[in-house]
């Protein structure tokens, strides 16, 4: 289970299945919003959003959000 799925369960009170669905929907939405030349890069970070066939080891939407947070100096 990813970090984002865990957070959705804890903070929003979603079931594991609901949290996983929300994470997948957000990943798919992100993939439709970035230019095509960046979709491969984003797909490798979010681990199988729209159009990706398999999730890479590590990665995931939680990893992407964590990297973005550290980039902008967020602690949390």
Protein backbone atom coordinates (compact mmCIF):
# COMPACT_ATOMS: atom_id res chain seq x y z
CA UNK A 1 0.00 0.00 0.00
CA UNK A 2 1.27 3.47 -0.80
CA UNK A 3 1.83 6.38 1.50
CA UNK A 4 -1.01 8.31 -0.17
CA UNK A 5 -3.43 5.41 0.28
CA UNK A 6 -2.50 5.26 3.96
CA UNK A 7 -3.05 9.01 4.34
CA UNK A 8 -6.43 8.83 2.62
CA UNK A 9 -7.49 6.12 5.03
CA UNK A 10 -6.26 8.00 8.10
CA UNK A 11 -7.23 11.57 7.23
CA UNK A 12 -10.39 11.03 5.18
CA UNK A 13 -11.62 7.84 6.81
CA UNK A 14 -11.77 5.92 3.53
CA UNK A 15 -11.71 2.16 3.30
CA UNK A 16 -8.57 0.61 1.75
CA UNK A 17 -10.44 -0.01 -1.54
CA UNK A 18 -11.80 3.55 -1.64
CA UNK A 19 -8.40 5.05 -0.85
CA UNK A 20 -6.74 3.01 -3.58
CA UNK A 21 -9.41 4.07 -6.09
CA UNK A 22 -8.95 7.75 -5.19
CA UNK A 23 -5.19 7.43 -5.62
CA UNK A 24 -5.65 5.82 -9.04
CA UNK A 25 -8.12 8.51 -10.14
CA UNK A 26 -5.77 11.30 -9.07
CA UNK A 27 -2.89 9.63 -10.92
CA UNK A 28 -5.00 9.31 -14.07
CA UNK A 29 -6.09 12.94 -13.81
CA UNK A 30 -2.51 14.10 -13.41
CA UNK A 31 -1.52 12.15 -16.50
CA UNK A 32 -4.15 13.96 -18.57
CA UNK A 33 -2.97 17.38 -17.34
CA UNK A 34 0.74 17.20 -18.17
CA UNK A 35 2.20 17.64 -21.66
CA UNK A 36 2.73 14.37 -23.53
CA UNK A 37 6.52 14.68 -23.39
CA UNK A 38 6.35 14.51 -19.58
CA UNK A 39 3.81 11.70 -19.25
CA UNK A 40 6.46 8.97 -19.32
CA UNK A 41 8.41 10.67 -16.55
CA UNK A 42 5.29 11.27 -14.47
CA UNK A 43 4.11 7.71 -15.10
CA UNK A 44 7.37 6.32 -13.74
CA UNK A 45 6.89 8.33 -10.54
CA UNK A 46 3.22 7.59 -9.95
CA UNK A 47 3.62 3.95 -10.77
CA UNK A 48 1.04 3.10 -13.35
CA UNK A 49 -1.36 5.99 -13.77
CA UNK A 50 -3.26 6.36 -17.02
CA UNK A 51 -1.78 4.20 -19.73
CA UNK A 52 1.11 2.69 -17.80
CA UNK A 53 1.16 -1.09 -17.83
CA UNK A 54 3.01 -1.83 -14.63
CA UNK A 55 4.12 -0.07 -11.49
CA UNK A 56 7.86 0.28 -10.98
CA UNK A 57 9.45 -0.79 -7.75
CA UNK A 58 9.34 2.04 -5.24
CA UNK A 59 7.82 5.14 -6.77
CA UNK A 60 4.11 5.65 -6.51
CA UNK A 61 2.09 8.79 -6.10
CA UNK A 62 3.25 9.05 -2.48
CA UNK A 63 6.84 9.13 -3.64
CA UNK A 64 6.06 11.81 -6.20
CA UNK A 65 4.27 13.96 -3.64
CA UNK A 66 7.08 13.45 -1.16
CA UNK A 67 9.66 14.53 -3.74
CA UNK A 68 7.57 17.57 -4.66
CA UNK A 69 7.18 18.51 -1.00
CA UNK A 70 10.92 18.32 -0.40
CA UNK A 71 11.53 20.36 -3.56
CA UNK A 72 9.32 23.17 -2.25
CA UNK A 73 10.53 22.92 1.34
CA UNK A 74 7.35 21.44 2.84
CA UNK A 75 7.78 19.33 5.94
CA UNK A 76 4.57 17.69 5.79
